[in-house]
């Protein structure tokens, strides 16, 4: 099968940790490689953000990254890309007009990629060449983002309405978790157009190991890993450490990885806020900020701790719990989004309500039992192997493609500037992106 992926702002070639470069970049790259390993041919189309980039760059055998001219060839925040999606789609349409370049299926990653995909494929029925089916993965929904961020949400005002139209007009929406399916239903998606395929994890890179030698009486070492923004809930873990200290529990050490490079931590507003919180709570000596960590160093970082804490206010899916589980480490996770699926409560980790320091403290107290956390960590690795390896995710995704390839029916056109839609749910906006 010839597969075209669109990932308008998240290139598989981007350096992780840069602006707007994170989980989606990893997902697109790993899925493309997994599909190529099955024998498929994959082209990943992404927006050119540097005039010196070649048009086509090989990623691995069977996968190329193709740079599309849409907007100025420079880095732009993703929330400013909407006006360029018509041009992105027109560029794709011109490429696909050549029968030798026409894909069997087009998989759009993120909502703006979906707009470009529909624009690129809408002419097939008119020309008699048949229309390429479009599969959509949102990665995050504007309805969830606005619900949680309110006025702080910087997404274009049209986002929710256009996401609702995408739910009705693409051939299939691939949701990554059950919680997302519920949100998609609220946007108007019907069961016959939704299929669930989770995100995956590299089981060879993220694998169990003993970690560095530590004294038996070392404090319980907890890791918080990810972007340093308030909604990621690191403050909840800091407050949980204070509660444990007040009760006289065994000491707990928190490592906070993410944010700017270590040399720039003092200038970061969120780091300063969290340091002040830790100082007021009397646990400043138990919280250590590591700064940005290179992706290749994350497995060793996880293996060097006892527990990974993922306590965001909300999370569309959440890759870190998968990476922790694949390394054989239990997770304390907010019972939101994809973590409701990836973390089996009391079997591979402990689920807690979001923004609940008392619940996090109780969970960490239970995980001070070495046998208990080792049992959960071992089960987490087994669960990762059975459900979340990229080979399995690629197999499920190609099965979803096969269900729509060759069966696409004509649909009404949609453009990036379209604002007409069914009335969205009041304040029902938001995702993490």
Protein backbone atom coordinates (compact mmCIF):
# COMPACT_ATOMS: atom_id res chain seq x y z
CA UNK A 1 0.00 0.00 0.00
CA UNK A 2 1.22 3.51 -0.79
CA UNK A 3 0.56 5.74 2.23
CA UNK A 4 0.77 9.53 2.41
CA UNK A 5 0.96 11.05 5.87
CA UNK A 6 0.44 14.75 6.50
CA UNK A 7 1.99 16.23 9.64
CA UNK A 8 1.91 19.94 8.90
CA UNK A 9 3.87 21.22 11.91
CA UNK A 10 5.43 18.09 13.41
CA UNK A 11 8.22 16.84 11.19
CA UNK A 12 9.80 13.46 11.97
CA UNK A 13 13.14 15.20 11.37
CA UNK A 14 12.65 17.92 14.02
CA UNK A 15 14.81 18.12 17.12
CA UNK A 16 12.67 17.07 20.07
CA UNK A 17 12.26 19.72 22.72
CA UNK A 18 12.11 22.57 20.23
CA UNK A 19 8.89 24.62 20.04
CA UNK A 20 5.95 22.41 19.00
CA UNK A 21 8.23 19.36 18.68
CA UNK A 22 7.29 16.45 20.90
CA UNK A 23 5.02 13.43 21.03
CA UNK A 24 3.43 13.89 17.60
CA UNK A 25 6.84 13.99 15.92
CA UNK A 26 7.79 10.72 17.64
CA UNK A 27 4.43 9.13 16.80
CA UNK A 28 4.55 10.00 13.10
CA UNK A 29 8.16 8.87 12.69
CA UNK A 30 7.68 5.58 14.54
CA UNK A 31 4.38 4.75 12.84
CA UNK A 32 5.85 5.46 9.40
CA UNK A 33 8.80 3.20 10.14
CA UNK A 34 6.50 0.48 11.46
CA UNK A 35 4.34 0.60 8.35
CA UNK A 36 7.42 0.47 6.12
CA UNK A 37 8.61 -2.60 8.02
CA UNK A 38 5.30 -4.24 6.99
CA UNK A 39 6.18 -3.59 3.34
CA UNK A 40 4.24 -0.38 2.75
CA UNK A 41 5.65 2.73 1.07
CA UNK A 42 5.24 5.91 3.19
CA UNK A 43 5.75 9.58 2.34
CA UNK A 44 5.40 12.05 5.22
CA UNK A 45 4.48 15.56 4.05
CA UNK A 46 5.40 18.41 6.39
CA UNK A 47 5.69 22.17 6.02
CA UNK A 48 9.06 23.56 4.97
CA UNK A 49 10.40 25.74 7.81
CA UNK A 50 13.90 26.28 6.42
CA UNK A 51 14.71 27.42 2.86
CA UNK A 52 17.76 25.13 2.72
CA UNK A 53 15.86 21.90 3.38
CA UNK A 54 15.86 19.42 0.49
CA UNK A 55 12.46 18.65 -0.93
CA UNK A 56 12.76 14.95 -0.06
CA UNK A 57 14.76 13.42 2.79
CA UNK A 58 14.97 9.64 3.40
CA UNK A 59 14.01 8.71 6.96
CA UNK A 60 14.51 4.96 6.66
CA UNK A 61 14.06 2.31 3.98
CA UNK A 62 10.57 2.85 2.57
CA UNK A 63 9.97 6.23 4.25
CA UNK A 64 10.70 9.72 2.91
CA UNK A 65 9.95 13.09 4.49
CA UNK A 66 8.71 15.56 1.86
CA UNK A 67 8.86 19.31 2.49
CA UNK A 68 5.90 21.31 1.22
CA UNK A 69 6.03 25.04 0.51
CA UNK A 70 3.17 26.58 2.51
CA UNK A 71 3.87 29.93 4.07
CA UNK A 72 7.27 31.47 4.75
CA UNK A 73 10.09 28.91 4.97
CA UNK A 74 10.82 29.63 8.60
CA UNK A 75 9.65 28.30 11.97
CA UNK A 76 6.15 29.49 12.84
CA UNK A 77 4.03 28.65 15.90
CA UNK A 78 1.51 25.99 14.93
CA UNK A 79 -1.36 28.24 15.98
CA UNK A 80 -0.36 30.60 13.13
CA UNK A 81 -0.40 27.98 10.35
CA UNK A 82 -4.13 27.87 9.55
CA UNK A 83 -4.00 30.50 6.75
CA UNK A 84 -1.48 28.35 4.88
CA UNK A 85 -3.41 25.08 4.84
CA UNK A 86 -5.20 25.82 1.54
CA UNK A 87 -1.81 26.25 -0.13
CA UNK A 88 -0.56 23.06 1.55
CA UNK A 89 -3.56 21.16 0.20
CA UNK A 90 -3.18 22.59 -3.30
CA UNK A 91 0.46 21.54 -3.37
CA UNK A 92 -0.54 18.00 -2.42
CA UNK A 93 -3.31 17.95 -5.02
CA UNK A 94 -0.81 18.84 -7.74
CA UNK A 95 1.51 16.04 -6.60
CA UNK A 96 -1.28 13.46 -6.44
CA UNK A 97 -2.51 14.34 -9.96
CA UNK A 98 0.34 12.18 -11.24
CA UNK A 99 -0.93 8.58 -11.10
CA UNK A 100 2.55 7.44 -10.12
CA UNK A 101 2.45 9.62 -6.99
CA UNK A 102 -1.16 9.01 -6.02
CA UNK A 103 -1.42 7.33 -2.59
CA UNK A 104 -3.89 4.61 -1.66
CA UNK A 105 -4.72 6.38 1.59
CA UNK A 106 -3.92 9.73 3.18
CA UNK A 107 -3.41 9.86 6.97
CA UNK A 108 -3.65 13.36 8.48
CA UNK A 109 -2.05 14.04 11.85
CA UNK A 110 -3.49 17.03 13.76
CA UNK A 111 -6.55 19.02 12.73
CA UNK A 112 -4.90 21.41 10.28
CA UNK A 113 -3.36 18.49 8.42
CA UNK A 114 -6.90 17.16 7.99
CA UNK A 115 -7.96 20.39 6.28
CA UNK A 116 -5.06 20.13 3.85
CA UNK A 117 -5.84 16.46 3.21
CA UNK A 118 -9.49 17.10 2.33
CA UNK A 119 -8.55 19.96 0.03
CA UNK A 120 -5.94 17.78 -1.67
CA UNK A 121 -8.34 14.91 -2.36
CA UNK A 122 -11.67 16.60 -3.08
CA UNK A 123 -11.12 16.78 -6.85
CA UNK A 124 -10.84 13.04 -7.45
CA UNK A 125 -14.55 12.46 -8.00
CA UNK A 126 -14.70 15.36 -10.51
CA UNK A 127 -11.78 14.07 -12.57
CA UNK A 128 -12.97 10.48 -12.53
CA UNK A 129 -9.74 9.26 -10.99
CA UNK A 130 -11.46 8.24 -7.76
CA UNK A 131 -10.95 9.96 -4.44
CA UNK A 132 -8.16 9.06 -2.05
CA UNK A 133 -9.68 8.19 1.35
CA UNK A 134 -8.64 10.37 4.28
CA UNK A 135 -7.90 9.01 7.76
CA UNK A 136 -7.62 11.55 10.59
CA UNK A 137 -5.75 11.38 13.88
CA UNK A 138 -6.26 14.52 15.96
CA UNK A 139 -3.61 13.89 18.66
CA UNK A 140 -5.45 16.57 20.68
CA UNK A 141 -8.85 18.23 20.42
CA UNK A 142 -9.57 21.93 20.55
CA UNK A 143 -12.73 21.29 22.56
CA UNK A 144 -10.76 19.75 25.43
CA UNK A 145 -8.07 22.41 25.26
CA UNK A 146 -10.49 25.31 25.57
CA UNK A 147 -12.40 23.60 28.35
CA UNK A 148 -9.28 23.40 30.49
CA UNK A 149 -7.35 26.48 29.38
CA UNK A 150 -10.14 28.95 28.76
CA UNK A 151 -8.83 32.38 27.79
CA UNK A 152 -5.26 31.04 27.80
CA UNK A 153 -6.02 28.87 24.77
CA UNK A 154 -4.16 30.31 21.77
CA UNK A 155 -5.79 28.07 19.14
CA UNK A 156 -7.52 29.76 16.19
CA UNK A 157 -11.15 30.60 16.94
CA UNK A 158 -12.31 28.36 14.09
CA UNK A 159 -10.62 25.24 15.45
CA UNK A 160 -13.54 23.54 17.18
CA UNK A 161 -15.95 24.09 14.34
CA UNK A 162 -13.47 22.79 11.78
CA UNK A 163 -12.69 19.74 13.92
CA UNK A 164 -16.41 19.02 14.02
CA UNK A 165 -16.56 19.19 10.22
CA UNK A 166 -13.56 16.89 9.93
CA UNK A 167 -15.37 14.34 12.10
CA UNK A 168 -18.21 14.31 9.58
CA UNK A 169 -16.24 14.49 6.35
CA UNK A 170 -13.15 12.31 6.64
CA UNK A 171 -13.52 8.62 5.93
CA UNK A 172 -12.22 7.47 9.29
CA UNK A 173 -11.05 9.04 12.55
CA UNK A 174 -8.40 7.02 14.36
CA UNK A 175 -8.77 7.81 18.06
CA UNK A 176 -5.96 6.94 20.44
CA UNK A 177 -8.04 6.17 23.54
CA UNK A 178 -11.59 5.62 24.78
CA UNK A 179 -11.78 9.04 26.39
CA UNK A 180 -11.09 10.65 23.01
CA UNK A 181 -13.91 8.65 21.43
CA UNK A 182 -16.34 10.18 23.91
CA UNK A 183 -15.10 13.64 22.96
CA UNK A 184 -15.40 12.82 19.26
CA UNK A 185 -19.02 11.82 19.73
CA UNK A 186 -19.67 15.23 21.24
CA UNK A 187 -18.19 16.78 18.10
CA UNK A 188 -20.56 14.78 15.90
CA UNK A 189 -18.49 11.74 14.97
CA UNK A 190 -20.45 8.52 14.50
CA UNK A 191 -19.28 5.05 15.51
CA UNK A 192 -18.98 3.89 11.90
CA UNK A 193 -16.33 6.58 11.29
CA UNK A 194 -14.22 6.04 14.43
CA UNK A 195 -11.70 3.32 15.19
CA UNK A 196 -9.32 3.18 18.15
CA UNK A 197 -5.61 2.55 17.71
CA UNK A 198 -3.40 3.67 20.62
CA UNK A 199 -0.01 5.32 20.46
CA UNK A 200 3.01 3.08 20.75
CA UNK A 201 6.42 2.79 22.37
CA UNK A 202 9.82 1.57 21.15
CA UNK A 203 10.22 -1.64 23.15
CA UNK A 204 13.91 -2.00 22.35
CA UNK A 205 14.90 1.52 23.37
CA UNK A 206 12.61 1.59 26.39
CA UNK A 207 13.41 -1.66 28.17
CA UNK A 208 13.88 -2.76 31.79
CA UNK A 209 17.22 -2.42 33.49
CA UNK A 210 18.60 -2.14 37.01
CA UNK A 211 19.63 1.50 36.78
CA UNK A 212 22.65 2.82 38.70
CA UNK A 213 23.55 1.21 42.01
CA UNK A 214 21.97 2.99 44.99
CA UNK A 215 22.16 2.43 48.76
CA UNK A 216 19.29 0.40 50.18
CA UNK A 217 18.25 3.30 52.41
CA UNK A 218 18.06 5.83 49.56
CA UNK A 219 14.84 7.87 49.42
CA UNK A 220 12.09 6.75 47.06
CA UNK A 221 13.07 8.43 43.79
CA UNK A 222 10.21 9.83 41.70
CA UNK A 223 10.48 11.28 38.20
CA UNK A 224 8.26 13.88 36.57
CA UNK A 225 9.05 14.11 32.86
CA UNK A 226 7.59 16.42 30.24
CA UNK A 227 6.89 20.01 29.33
CA UNK A 228 7.17 22.43 32.22
CA UNK A 229 3.80 24.15 32.10
CA UNK A 230 1.32 24.53 34.93
CA UNK A 231 -1.27 22.15 33.48
CA UNK A 232 1.21 19.25 33.57
CA UNK A 233 0.63 19.11 37.32
CA UNK A 234 4.17 18.98 38.69
CA UNK A 235 2.98 21.18 41.56
CA UNK A 236 0.63 18.38 42.60
CA UNK A 237 3.62 16.08 43.16
CA UNK A 238 5.54 18.76 45.06
CA UNK A 239 2.54 19.24 47.37
CA UNK A 240 2.30 15.46 47.80
CA UNK A 241 5.93 15.37 48.99
CA UNK A 242 5.06 18.00 51.59
CA UNK A 243 2.15 15.91 52.86
CA UNK A 244 4.36 12.85 53.19
CA UNK A 245 6.96 14.85 55.09
CA UNK A 246 4.32 16.21 57.48
CA UNK A 247 3.19 12.67 58.27
CA UNK A 248 6.72 11.47 58.97
CA UNK A 249 6.78 9.06 56.02
CA UNK A 250 10.05 7.84 54.59
CA UNK A 251 11.66 10.61 52.53
CA UNK A 252 10.88 10.95 48.82
CA UNK A 253 13.03 12.67 46.21
CA UNK A 254 11.49 14.27 43.11
CA UNK A 255 13.43 14.71 39.87
CA UNK A 256 11.81 17.15 37.44
CA UNK A 257 12.98 16.67 33.83
CA UNK A 258 11.90 19.06 31.10
CA UNK A 259 11.80 22.73 30.34
CA UNK A 260 14.81 24.78 29.25
CA UNK A 261 18.43 23.57 29.37
CA UNK A 262 19.83 23.27 32.88
CA UNK A 263 21.86 26.46 32.50
CA UNK A 264 18.69 28.46 31.83
CA UNK A 265 16.46 27.09 34.58
CA UNK A 266 16.78 30.19 36.75
CA UNK A 267 15.11 32.27 34.04
CA UNK A 268 12.11 29.98 33.59
CA UNK A 269 8.88 31.24 35.18
CA UNK A 270 7.45 27.78 35.86
CA UNK A 271 10.68 26.58 37.48
CA UNK A 272 10.68 29.64 39.73
CA UNK A 273 7.04 29.01 40.66
CA UNK A 274 7.70 25.38 41.53
CA UNK A 275 10.84 26.22 43.50
CA UNK A 276 8.92 28.78 45.52
CA UNK A 277 6.19 26.23 46.19
CA UNK A 278 8.73 23.63 47.32
CA UNK A 279 10.41 26.15 49.60
CA UNK A 280 7.14 27.21 51.20
CA UNK A 281 6.21 23.55 51.68
CA UNK A 282 9.55 22.76 53.31
CA UNK A 283 10.68 20.23 50.66
CA UNK A 284 13.05 22.37 48.57
CA UNK A 285 15.89 19.98 49.38
CA UNK A 286 13.87 17.06 48.01
CA UNK A 287 13.07 18.56 44.57
CA UNK A 288 15.74 18.65 41.87
CA UNK A 289 15.30 20.26 38.46
CA UNK A 290 17.26 18.61 35.63
CA UNK A 291 16.23 20.83 32.73
CA UNK A 292 15.83 19.53 29.20
CA UNK A 293 16.86 15.92 28.65
CA UNK A 294 17.87 14.54 25.26
CA UNK A 295 15.46 11.92 23.95
CA UNK A 296 18.20 9.28 23.81
CA UNK A 297 18.90 9.82 27.52
CA UNK A 298 15.33 9.31 28.69
CA UNK A 299 15.43 5.48 29.01
CA UNK A 300 18.39 5.62 31.40
CA UNK A 301 16.71 8.42 33.33
CA UNK A 302 13.57 6.31 33.80
CA UNK A 303 15.56 3.24 34.78
CA UNK A 304 17.33 5.30 37.44
CA UNK A 305 14.15 6.04 39.41
CA UNK A 306 11.62 3.99 41.35
CA UNK A 307 8.37 5.60 40.21
CA UNK A 308 7.28 7.91 37.39
CA UNK A 309 4.61 10.52 38.22
CA UNK A 310 2.37 11.78 35.39
CA UNK A 311 -0.19 14.07 37.02
CA UNK A 312 -1.50 16.53 34.41
CA UNK A 313 -4.86 18.25 34.70
CA UNK A 314 -5.74 16.66 31.36
CA UNK A 315 -3.87 14.68 28.69
CA UNK A 316 -5.12 13.47 25.27
CA UNK A 317 -2.97 10.34 25.46
CA UNK A 318 0.35 10.63 27.31
CA UNK A 319 3.48 8.89 26.02
CA UNK A 320 5.48 9.00 29.26
CA UNK A 321 3.40 6.31 31.05
CA UNK A 322 4.08 3.95 28.12
CA UNK A 323 7.80 4.69 28.23
CA UNK A 324 7.90 4.15 31.98
CA UNK A 325 5.95 0.91 31.76
CA UNK A 326 8.18 -0.39 28.97
CA UNK A 327 11.16 0.27 31.26
CA UNK A 328 9.47 -1.70 34.03
CA UNK A 329 8.66 1.24 36.25
CA UNK A 330 5.23 1.81 37.84
CA UNK A 331 3.38 5.07 37.24
CA UNK A 332 1.29 7.34 39.42
CA UNK A 333 -1.00 8.87 36.80
CA UNK A 334 -3.96 11.21 36.65
CA UNK A 335 -7.11 9.32 35.73
CA UNK A 336 -7.61 11.32 32.52
CA UNK A 337 -7.36 10.82 28.77
CA UNK A 338 -5.28 7.96 27.46
CA UNK A 339 -3.87 7.12 30.87
CA UNK A 340 -7.23 5.59 31.74
CA UNK A 341 -6.33 2.95 29.13
CA UNK A 342 -2.56 2.64 29.43
CA UNK A 343 -2.33 2.43 33.23
CA UNK A 344 -4.11 -0.53 34.82
CA UNK A 345 -4.97 0.64 38.34
CA UNK A 346 -3.23 -1.40 41.04
CA UNK A 347 -1.76 -3.70 38.37
CA UNK A 348 0.75 -1.58 36.42
CA UNK A 349 0.45 1.68 38.33
CA UNK A 350 -1.91 3.76 40.41
CA UNK A 351 -4.52 6.13 38.99
CA UNK A 352 -5.38 9.23 40.99
CA UNK A 353 -7.79 12.14 40.48
CA UNK A 354 -6.14 15.12 38.78
CA UNK A 355 -5.01 18.01 41.00
CA UNK A 356 -5.24 15.87 44.15
CA UNK A 357 -2.00 16.01 46.21
CA UNK A 358 -3.47 13.81 48.95
CA UNK A 359 -4.18 11.01 46.47
CA UNK A 360 -0.67 11.29 45.01
CA UNK A 361 0.83 11.19 48.51
CA UNK A 362 -1.17 8.06 49.32
CA UNK A 363 -0.05 6.40 46.08
CA UNK A 364 3.62 7.20 46.71
CA UNK A 365 3.25 5.91 50.24
CA UNK A 366 2.04 2.57 48.89
CA UNK A 367 4.85 2.46 46.32
CA UNK A 368 7.47 2.79 49.04
CA UNK A 369 6.95 -0.97 49.34
CA UNK A 370 9.71 -2.31 47.06
CA UNK A 371 7.98 -5.62 46.33
CA UNK A 372 4.74 -3.87 45.40
CA UNK A 373 6.36 -1.47 42.97
CA UNK A 374 8.48 -4.21 41.40
CA UNK A 375 5.36 -6.29 40.85
CA UNK A 376 3.62 -3.36 39.19
CA UNK A 377 6.67 -2.53 37.09
CA UNK A 378 7.01 -6.09 35.80
CA UNK A 379 3.32 -6.15 34.86
CA UNK A 380 3.70 -2.78 33.13
CA UNK A 381 6.42 -4.19 30.90
CA UNK A 382 4.27 -7.18 29.96
CA UNK A 383 1.35 -4.89 29.15
CA UNK A 384 3.59 -2.71 26.95
CA UNK A 385 4.86 -5.76 25.07
CA UNK A 386 1.37 -7.12 24.47
CA UNK A 387 -0.39 -3.91 23.48
CA UNK A 388 1.87 -1.01 22.64
CA UNK A 389 4.88 -2.08 20.57
CA UNK A 390 5.10 -0.17 17.29
CA UNK A 391 4.87 -3.34 15.23
CA UNK A 392 1.44 -4.02 16.77
CA UNK A 393 0.34 -0.39 16.36
CA UNK A 394 1.42 -0.42 12.70
CA UNK A 395 -0.51 -3.66 12.15
CA UNK A 396 -3.68 -2.17 13.61
CA UNK A 397 -3.24 1.05 11.63
CA UNK A 398 -2.74 -0.71 8.31
CA UNK A 399 -5.88 -2.72 9.09
CA UNK A 400 -7.76 0.55 9.55
CA UNK A 401 -6.41 1.79 6.22
CA UNK A 402 -7.54 -1.39 4.47
CA UNK A 403 -11.06 -0.80 5.72
CA UNK A 404 -11.36 2.50 3.86
CA UNK A 405 -9.02 2.12 0.88
CA UNK A 406 -11.01 1.86 -2.32
CA UNK A 407 -14.32 2.60 -0.59
CA UNK A 408 -14.20 6.40 -0.30
CA UNK A 409 -17.38 8.15 -1.36
CA UNK A 410 -17.72 11.77 -2.58
CA UNK A 411 -18.01 14.40 0.13
CA UNK A 412 -18.52 18.14 0.35
CA UNK A 413 -15.36 20.26 0.16
CA UNK A 414 -13.90 21.96 3.20
CA UNK A 415 -11.27 24.70 3.22
CA UNK A 416 -9.09 26.07 5.96
CA UNK A 417 -11.11 29.29 6.01
CA UNK A 418 -14.49 27.62 6.37
CA UNK A 419 -16.25 28.72 9.54
CA UNK A 420 -19.78 27.43 8.93
CA UNK A 421 -20.50 24.46 11.19
CA UNK A 422 -22.96 23.06 13.61
CA UNK A 423 -23.00 25.02 16.85
CA UNK A 424 -20.21 23.63 19.05
CA UNK A 425 -20.86 22.62 22.59
CA UNK A 426 -20.62 25.57 24.96
CA UNK A 427 -17.03 25.82 26.23
CA UNK A 428 -16.45 22.32 24.89
CA UNK A 429 -13.05 23.07 23.48
CA UNK A 430 -9.54 22.03 24.15
CA UNK A 431 -6.89 19.27 23.92
CA UNK A 432 -3.34 19.66 25.01
CA UNK A 433 -2.14 21.03 21.73
